[in-house]
Amino acid sequence: PPASPPPGLYQEHAATIANWLGGGVLSSYCYNSTYELSSSQFPSSAFHSNCDSYSSSLTIMRLSNGKVIGGYVTVPWKNTGGDTYSRAPGSFLFSITNDYKHSLINDNSAVAMLGSPNYGPTFGGGHDLTIGPAGSDMRTGYCRLGLSYSCREGYSGTACDNDFCGSSTRNPSWQVEELEVWVDMTYPQPSLPPPSLSPLSPPMLPPSPPSPSPPPPTPSPPPPPSPPP
């Protein structure tokens, strides 16, 4: 990836995403549609060749209907051949537009993500969200939320899909306008204030010797005797 990523979707929403990642910050990307604009298509093969080697990744995209959505997976996109579903505990979808994290309905789901050379980033077994399905380019996709990942509106169906991606069909009216896949997550330590410098203590001096005790008072002489009468 380029050493200095240009400003993009992730940087714009990094603070919100960090809350969903438990403070995690992603430092580089393996796929950025900005660098594919000279091509008439965005093949999923470019995504896989650049991103499959990473142990986890975050996908974020802006759709032509204005919605900004994405997902995070805790396992590599690499597949062992064919269409391979995988467990990915801790994975989730998200909507920046709705400020909402869509968690897995069952964290041990066997169909949390699909690793396939014929698909781009694909989440869930229905699919809850897929980009570049069945060999199409990475501008296309659809969502059918509520199968593997939880809904914000309802449990599944039209209301849930419209709320998330704006369409409840395999042939939606939207296209992907921007898409980034980010990797290399770290958990930066919070910056601590510098230690306060207290003034130096004066050097320890030996104790002073005790002062001599004053002499006892001199007793007063007795009064003279009285004269006889």
C-alpha atoms as a PDB file:
ATOM      1  CA  PRO A   1       0.000   0.000   0.000  1.00  0.00           C
ATOM      2  CA  PRO A   2       1.111   3.604  -0.455  1.00  0.00           C
ATOM      3  CA  ALA A   3       3.114   4.864   2.511  1.00  0.00           C
ATOM      4  CA  SER A   4       0.897   7.929   2.935  1.00  0.00           C
ATOM      5  CA  PRO A   5      -2.747   7.061   2.167  1.00  0.00           C
ATOM      6  CA  PRO A   6      -4.773   9.943   0.750  1.00  0.00           C
ATOM      7  CA  PRO A   7      -7.685  11.233   2.805  1.00  0.00           C
ATOM      8  CA  GLY A   8     -10.616   8.899   2.317  1.00  0.00           C
ATOM      9  CA  LEU A   9     -13.654   7.283   3.841  1.00  0.00           C
ATOM     10  CA  TYR A  10     -11.845   5.503   6.643  1.00  0.00           C
ATOM     11  CA  GLN A  11      -9.939   8.563   7.839  1.00  0.00           C
ATOM     12  CA  GLU A  12     -13.154  10.571   7.746  1.00  0.00           C
ATOM     13  CA  HIS A  13     -14.892   8.129  10.093  1.00  0.00           C
ATOM     14  CA  ALA A  14     -11.941   6.593  11.972  1.00  0.00           C
ATOM     15  CA  ALA A  15     -13.079   7.799  15.409  1.00  0.00           C
ATOM     16  CA  THR A  16     -16.520   6.186  15.081  1.00  0.00           C
ATOM     17  CA  ILE A  17     -15.039   2.945  13.752  1.00  0.00           C
ATOM     18  CA  ALA A  18     -12.449   2.837  16.562  1.00  0.00           C
ATOM     19  CA  ASN A  19     -15.294   2.705  19.083  1.00  0.00           C
ATOM     20  CA  TRP A  20     -16.651  -0.402  17.341  1.00  0.00           C
ATOM     21  CA  LEU A  21     -13.155  -1.927  17.213  1.00  0.00           C
ATOM     22  CA  GLY A  22     -12.459  -1.439  20.910  1.00  0.00           C
ATOM     23  CA  GLY A  23      -9.975   1.341  20.196  1.00  0.00           C
ATOM     24  CA  GLY A  24      -8.326  -0.332  17.200  1.00  0.00           C
ATOM     25  CA  VAL A  25      -6.830   1.872  14.491  1.00  0.00           C
ATOM     26  CA  LEU A  26      -6.061   0.661  10.956  1.00  0.00           C
ATOM     27  CA  SER A  27      -2.859   1.997   9.443  1.00  0.00           C
ATOM     28  CA  SER A  28      -2.840   0.973   5.766  1.00  0.00           C
ATOM     29  CA  TYR A  29      -5.092  -0.300   3.017  1.00  0.00           C
ATOM     30  CA  CYS A  30      -4.858  -3.222   0.619  1.00  0.00           C
ATOM     31  CA  TYR A  31      -7.554  -2.027  -1.798  1.00  0.00           C
ATOM     32  CA  ASN A  32      -8.713   1.460  -2.750  1.00  0.00           C
ATOM     33  CA  SER A  33     -11.086   2.033  -5.647  1.00  0.00           C
ATOM     34  CA  THR A  34      -9.510   5.450  -6.237  1.00  0.00           C
ATOM     35  CA  TYR A  35      -6.593   3.687  -7.936  1.00  0.00           C
ATOM     36  CA  GLU A  36      -8.870   1.612 -10.187  1.00  0.00           C
ATOM     37  CA  LEU A  37     -10.753   4.483 -11.807  1.00  0.00           C
ATOM     38  CA  SER A  38      -8.779   4.197 -15.030  1.00  0.00           C
ATOM     39  CA  SER A  39     -10.241   0.735 -15.531  1.00  0.00           C
ATOM     40  CA  SER A  40     -13.706   0.116 -16.939  1.00  0.00           C
ATOM     41  CA  GLN A  41     -14.227  -2.547 -14.267  1.00  0.00           C
ATOM     42  CA  PHE A  42     -13.192  -3.290 -10.701  1.00  0.00           C
ATOM     43  CA  PRO A  43     -12.481  -7.038 -10.801  1.00  0.00           C
ATOM     44  CA  SER A  44     -12.708  -8.958  -7.557  1.00  0.00           C
ATOM     45  CA  SER A  45      -9.395 -10.622  -8.468  1.00  0.00           C
ATOM     46  CA  ALA A  46      -7.574  -7.344  -7.693  1.00  0.00           C
ATOM     47  CA  PHE A  47      -9.152  -7.283  -4.253  1.00  0.00           C
ATOM     48  CA  HIS A  48      -8.124 -10.877  -3.506  1.00  0.00           C
ATOM     49  CA  SER A  49      -4.578 -10.561  -4.816  1.00  0.00           C
ATOM     50  CA  ASN A  50      -3.960  -7.548  -2.575  1.00  0.00           C
ATOM     51  CA  CYS A  51      -5.971  -8.410   0.543  1.00  0.00           C
ATOM     52  CA  ASP A  52      -6.092 -12.186   1.062  1.00  0.00           C
ATOM     53  CA  SER A  53      -2.857 -12.399   3.048  1.00  0.00           C
ATOM     54  CA  TYR A  54      -4.089 -10.251   5.954  1.00  0.00           C
ATOM     55  CA  SER A  55      -5.505 -11.860   9.080  1.00  0.00           C
ATOM     56  CA  SER A  56      -8.305  -9.300   9.459  1.00  0.00           C
ATOM     57  CA  SER A  57      -9.616  -6.349   7.483  1.00  0.00           C
ATOM     58  CA  LEU A  58     -12.201  -3.586   7.386  1.00  0.00           C
ATOM     59  CA  THR A  59     -14.207  -2.755   4.250  1.00  0.00           C
ATOM     60  CA  ILE A  60     -15.881   0.635   3.959  1.00  0.00           C
ATOM     61  CA  MET A  61     -17.812   1.968   0.979  1.00  0.00           C
ATOM     62  CA  ARG A  62     -19.938   4.880  -0.180  1.00  0.00           C
ATOM     63  CA  LEU A  63     -22.949   3.968  -2.310  1.00  0.00           C
ATOM     64  CA  SER A  64     -24.457   6.116  -5.040  1.00  0.00           C
ATOM     65  CA  ASN A  65     -27.543   6.621  -2.834  1.00  0.00           C
ATOM     66  CA  GLY A  66     -25.324   8.349  -0.261  1.00  0.00           C
ATOM     67  CA  LYS A  67     -25.190   5.570   2.321  1.00  0.00           C
ATOM     68  CA  VAL A  68     -21.798   4.759   3.887  1.00  0.00           C
ATOM     69  CA  ILE A  69     -21.634   1.156   5.087  1.00  0.00           C
ATOM     70  CA  GLY A  70     -19.106  -1.626   5.524  1.00  0.00           C
ATOM     71  CA  GLY A  71     -17.945  -4.562   7.567  1.00  0.00           C
ATOM     72  CA  TYR A  72     -15.073  -5.988   9.582  1.00  0.00           C
ATOM     73  CA  VAL A  73     -13.881  -9.615   9.453  1.00  0.00           C
ATOM     74  CA  THR A  74     -11.521 -11.292  11.900  1.00  0.00           C
ATOM     75  CA  VAL A  75     -10.208 -13.931   9.452  1.00  0.00           C
ATOM     76  CA  PRO A  76      -8.456 -13.724   6.043  1.00  0.00           C
ATOM     77  CA  TRP A  77     -10.430 -13.504   2.809  1.00  0.00           C
ATOM     78  CA  LYS A  78      -8.192 -16.209   1.378  1.00  0.00           C
ATOM     79  CA  ASN A  79     -10.033 -19.376   0.341  1.00  0.00           C
ATOM     80  CA  THR A  80      -8.878 -22.925  -0.166  1.00  0.00           C
ATOM     81  CA  GLY A  81     -10.647 -23.243  -3.516  1.00  0.00           C
ATOM     82  CA  GLY A  82     -14.214 -22.656  -4.612  1.00  0.00           C
ATOM     83  CA  ASP A  83     -16.698 -20.829  -2.427  1.00  0.00           C
ATOM     84  CA  THR A  84     -15.657 -21.307   1.198  1.00  0.00           C
ATOM     85  CA  TYR A  85     -17.648 -19.970   4.134  1.00  0.00           C
ATOM     86  CA  SER A  86     -15.852 -19.427   7.429  1.00  0.00           C
ATOM     87  CA  ARG A  87     -16.491 -18.749  11.082  1.00  0.00           C
ATOM     88  CA  ALA A  88     -15.252 -15.317  12.075  1.00  0.00           C
ATOM     89  CA  PRO A  89     -16.157 -14.542  15.706  1.00  0.00           C
ATOM     90  CA  GLY A  90     -16.159 -10.837  16.441  1.00  0.00           C
ATOM     91  CA  SER A  91     -16.947  -9.816  12.856  1.00  0.00           C
ATOM     92  CA  PHE A  92     -19.647  -7.221  12.222  1.00  0.00           C
ATOM     93  CA  LEU A  93     -21.285  -5.015   9.615  1.00  0.00           C
ATOM     94  CA  PHE A  94     -21.764  -1.310  10.246  1.00  0.00           C
ATOM     95  CA  SER A  95     -23.602   1.733   8.981  1.00  0.00           C
ATOM     96  CA  ILE A  96     -21.876   5.085   9.286  1.00  0.00           C
ATOM     97  CA  THR A  97     -25.099   6.660   7.991  1.00  0.00           C
ATOM     98  CA  ASN A  98     -27.110   5.183  10.871  1.00  0.00           C
ATOM     99  CA  ASP A  99     -24.249   5.160  13.411  1.00  0.00           C
ATOM    100  CA  TYR A 100     -24.961   1.480  14.050  1.00  0.00           C
ATOM    101  CA  LYS A 101     -22.945  -1.729  14.477  1.00  0.00           C
ATOM    102  CA  HIS A 102     -24.648  -4.872  13.150  1.00  0.00           C
ATOM    103  CA  SER A 103     -23.206  -7.777  15.149  1.00  0.00           C
ATOM    104  CA  LEU A 104     -23.359 -11.443  14.213  1.00  0.00           C
ATOM    105  CA  ILE A 105     -26.632 -13.005  15.348  1.00  0.00           C
ATOM    106  CA  ASN A 106     -24.616 -16.084  16.347  1.00  0.00           C
ATOM    107  CA  ASP A 107     -20.970 -15.235  17.009  1.00  0.00           C
ATOM    108  CA  ASN A 108     -19.989 -18.806  16.140  1.00  0.00           C
ATOM    109  CA  SER A 109     -21.877 -18.774  12.836  1.00  0.00           C
ATOM    110  CA  ALA A 110     -20.294 -21.028  10.206  1.00  0.00           C
ATOM    111  CA  VAL A 111     -21.223 -18.561   7.453  1.00  0.00           C
ATOM    112  CA  ALA A 112     -19.896 -15.279   8.860  1.00  0.00           C
ATOM    113  CA  MET A 113     -17.981 -14.544   5.628  1.00  0.00           C
ATOM    114  CA  LEU A 114     -17.399 -16.000   2.177  1.00  0.00           C
ATOM    115  CA  GLY A 115     -13.926 -16.424   0.733  1.00  0.00           C
ATOM    116  CA  SER A 116     -14.336 -16.890  -3.013  1.00  0.00           C
ATOM    117  CA  PRO A 117     -12.231 -15.812  -5.996  1.00  0.00           C
ATOM    118  CA  ASN A 118     -15.506 -14.955  -7.759  1.00  0.00           C
ATOM    119  CA  TYR A 119     -16.739 -12.500  -5.115  1.00  0.00           C
ATOM    120  CA  GLY A 120     -15.464  -9.343  -3.556  1.00  0.00           C
ATOM    121  CA  PRO A 121     -15.963  -8.698   0.180  1.00  0.00           C
ATOM    122  CA  THR A 122     -18.946 -10.865   1.153  1.00  0.00           C
ATOM    123  CA  PHE A 123     -20.507 -11.140   4.608  1.00  0.00           C
ATOM    124  CA  GLY A 124     -23.037 -13.732   5.781  1.00  0.00           C
ATOM    125  CA  GLY A 125     -24.695 -16.680   4.182  1.00  0.00           C
ATOM    126  CA  GLY A 126     -27.482 -15.014   2.234  1.00  0.00           C
ATOM    127  CA  HIS A 127     -25.642 -12.725   1.608  1.00  0.00           C
ATOM    128  CA  ASP A 128     -26.085 -10.025   4.244  1.00  0.00           C
ATOM    129  CA  LEU A 129     -23.734  -7.837   2.194  1.00  0.00           C
ATOM    130  CA  THR A 130     -21.790  -8.694  -0.939  1.00  0.00           C
ATOM    131  CA  ILE A 131     -19.778  -6.651  -3.404  1.00  0.00           C
ATOM    132  CA  GLY A 132     -18.782  -7.988  -6.816  1.00  0.00           C
ATOM    133  CA  PRO A 133     -21.003 -11.082  -6.623  1.00  0.00           C
ATOM    134  CA  ALA A 134     -20.646 -14.028  -8.991  1.00  0.00           C
ATOM    135  CA  GLY A 135     -17.916 -12.549 -11.123  1.00  0.00           C
ATOM    136  CA  SER A 136     -19.426  -9.072 -11.560  1.00  0.00           C
ATOM    137  CA  ASP A 137     -17.244  -6.043 -10.986  1.00  0.00           C
ATOM    138  CA  MET A 138     -16.785  -4.322  -7.652  1.00  0.00           C
ATOM    139  CA  ARG A 139     -19.195  -1.519  -8.506  1.00  0.00           C
ATOM    140  CA  THR A 140     -22.170  -3.822  -7.963  1.00  0.00           C
ATOM    141  CA  GLY A 141     -23.590  -5.629  -4.964  1.00  0.00           C
ATOM    142  CA  TYR A 142     -26.632  -6.095  -2.766  1.00  0.00           C
ATOM    143  CA  CYS A 143     -27.633  -6.611   0.873  1.00  0.00           C
ATOM    144  CA  ARG A 144     -30.058  -9.016   2.545  1.00  0.00           C
ATOM    145  CA  LEU A 145     -29.469  -8.206   6.188  1.00  0.00           C
ATOM    146  CA  GLY A 146     -30.851 -10.290   9.036  1.00  0.00           C
ATOM    147  CA  LEU A 147     -29.602 -13.685   7.875  1.00  0.00           C
ATOM    148  CA  SER A 148     -26.250 -13.763   9.701  1.00  0.00           C
ATOM    149  CA  TYR A 149     -25.994 -10.189  11.001  1.00  0.00           C
ATOM    150  CA  SER A 150     -28.531  -8.352  13.141  1.00  0.00           C
ATOM    151  CA  CYS A 151     -30.905  -5.679  11.845  1.00  0.00           C
ATOM    152  CA  ARG A 152     -31.493  -2.225  13.244  1.00  0.00           C
ATOM    153  CA  GLU A 153     -35.041  -2.152  11.825  1.00  0.00           C
ATOM    154  CA  GLY A 154     -37.083  -5.330  12.157  1.00  0.00           C
ATOM    155  CA  TYR A 155     -35.592  -8.807  11.993  1.00  0.00           C
ATOM    156  CA  SER A 156     -35.091  -9.317   8.240  1.00  0.00           C
ATOM    157  CA  GLY A 157     -36.721  -8.365   4.952  1.00  0.00           C
ATOM    158  CA  THR A 158     -37.442  -5.156   3.119  1.00  0.00           C
ATOM    159  CA  ALA A 159     -37.395  -2.737   6.073  1.00  0.00           C
ATOM    160  CA  CYS A 160     -34.079  -4.085   7.333  1.00  0.00           C
ATOM    161  CA  ASP A 161     -32.430  -4.035   3.885  1.00  0.00           C
ATOM    162  CA  ASN A 162     -33.677  -0.549   3.041  1.00  0.00           C
ATOM    163  CA  ASP A 163     -32.437   0.740   6.374  1.00  0.00           C
ATOM    164  CA  PHE A 164     -28.952  -0.667   5.786  1.00  0.00           C
ATOM    165  CA  CYS A 165     -28.153  -0.351   2.075  1.00  0.00           C
ATOM    166  CA  GLY A 166     -31.239   1.351   0.657  1.00  0.00           C
ATOM    167  CA  SER A 167     -32.597  -1.521  -1.407  1.00  0.00           C
ATOM    168  CA  SER A 168     -34.099  -4.952  -0.892  1.00  0.00           C
ATOM    169  CA  THR A 169     -33.247  -6.688  -4.163  1.00  0.00           C
ATOM    170  CA  ARG A 170     -30.401  -8.535  -5.849  1.00  0.00           C
ATOM    171  CA  ASN A 171     -30.470  -5.857  -8.550  1.00  0.00           C
ATOM    172  CA  PRO A 172     -30.416  -2.623  -6.542  1.00  0.00           C
ATOM    173  CA  SER A 173     -30.526   0.833  -8.032  1.00  0.00           C
ATOM    174  CA  TRP A 174     -27.286   1.822  -6.317  1.00  0.00           C
ATOM    175  CA  GLN A 175     -23.668   1.286  -7.288  1.00  0.00           C
ATOM    176  CA  VAL A 176     -20.469   1.457  -5.266  1.00  0.00           C
ATOM    177  CA  GLU A 177     -18.854   4.859  -5.722  1.00  0.00           C
ATOM    178  CA  GLU A 178     -15.926   4.429  -3.335  1.00  0.00           C
ATOM    179  CA  LEU A 179     -14.547   1.318  -1.675  1.00  0.00           C
ATOM    180  CA  GLU A 180     -11.579   0.880   0.656  1.00  0.00           C
ATOM    181  CA  VAL A 181     -10.264  -2.210   2.439  1.00  0.00           C
ATOM    182  CA  TRP A 182      -8.072  -1.433   5.459  1.00  0.00           C
ATOM    183  CA  VAL A 183      -5.660  -3.685   7.358  1.00  0.00           C
ATOM    184  CA  ASP A 184      -2.837  -3.656   9.941  1.00  0.00           C
ATOM    185  CA  MET A 185      -4.824  -2.809  13.046  1.00  0.00           C
ATOM    186  CA  THR A 186      -3.056  -1.565  16.163  1.00  0.00           C
ATOM    187  CA  TYR A 187      -4.241  -0.468  19.583  1.00  0.00           C
ATOM    188  CA  PRO A 188      -2.348   2.733  20.357  1.00  0.00           C
ATOM    189  CA  GLN A 189      -1.730   3.463  24.000  1.00  0.00           C
ATOM    190  CA  PRO A 190      -3.396   6.618  25.260  1.00  0.00           C
ATOM    191  CA  SER A 191      -0.942   9.476  25.555  1.00  0.00           C
ATOM    192  CA  LEU A 192      -0.038  10.215  29.161  1.00  0.00           C
ATOM    193  CA  PRO A 193       0.858  13.663  30.507  1.00  0.00           C
ATOM    194  CA  PRO A 194       4.552  14.117  31.327  1.00  0.00           C
ATOM    195  CA  PRO A 195       5.397  13.437  34.958  1.00  0.00           C
ATOM    196  CA  SER A 196       5.258  16.530  37.131  1.00  0.00           C
ATOM    197  CA  LEU A 197       8.637  17.609  38.510  1.00  0.00           C
ATOM    198  CA  SER A 198       8.502  18.365  42.210  1.00  0.00           C
ATOM    199  CA  PRO A 199      11.046  20.854  43.621  1.00  0.00           C
ATOM    200  CA  LEU A 200      14.212  19.298  44.958  1.00  0.00           C
ATOM    201  CA  SER A 201      14.187  18.623  48.687  1.00  0.00           C
ATOM    202  CA  PRO A 202      16.909  20.453  50.703  1.00  0.00           C
ATOM    203  CA  PRO A 203      19.843  18.263  51.649  1.00  0.00           C
ATOM    204  CA  MET A 204      19.568  16.417  54.923  1.00  0.00           C
ATOM    205  CA  LEU A 205      21.625  18.071  57.672  1.00  0.00           C
ATOM    206  CA  PRO A 206      22.932  16.341  60.803  1.00  0.00           C
ATOM    207  CA  PRO A 207      20.816  17.038  63.847  1.00  0.00           C
ATOM    208  CA  SER A 208      21.917  19.987  65.996  1.00  0.00           C
ATOM    209  CA  PRO A 209      23.442  19.098  69.378  1.00  0.00           C
ATOM    210  CA  PRO A 210      21.074  19.637  72.289  1.00  0.00           C
ATOM    211  CA  SER A 211      21.323  23.030  74.000  1.00  0.00           C
ATOM    212  CA  PRO A 212      22.881  22.945  77.500  1.00  0.00           C
ATOM    213  CA  SER A 213      20.398  22.989  80.329  1.00  0.00           C
ATOM    214  CA  PRO A 214      20.215  26.312  82.224  1.00  0.00           C
ATOM    215  CA  PRO A 215      21.769  26.286  85.760  1.00  0.00           C
ATOM    216  CA  PRO A 216      19.313  25.721  88.606  1.00  0.00           C
ATOM    217  CA  PRO A 217      18.038  28.942  90.196  1.00  0.00           C
ATOM    218  CA  THR A 218      19.970  30.250  93.244  1.00  0.00           C
ATOM    219  CA  PRO A 219      17.825  29.849  96.371  1.00  0.00           C
ATOM    220  CA  SER A 220      16.836  33.120  98.065  1.00  0.00           C
ATOM    221  CA  PRO A 221      18.460  33.757 101.518  1.00  0.00           C
ATOM    222  CA  PRO A 222      16.116  33.314 104.496  1.00  0.00           C
ATOM    223  CA  PRO A 223      14.685  36.527 105.919  1.00  0.00           C
ATOM    224  CA  PRO A 224      16.491  38.002 108.965  1.00  0.00           C
ATOM    225  CA  PRO A 225      15.013  37.116 112.398  1.00  0.00           C
ATOM    226  CA  SER A 226      12.637  39.574 113.983  1.00  0.00           C
ATOM    227  CA  PRO A 227      14.047  41.681 116.864  1.00  0.00           C
ATOM    228  CA  PRO A 228      12.912  40.646 120.351  1.00  0.00           C
ATOM    229  CA  PRO A 229      10.114  42.730 121.835  1.00  0.00           C
END
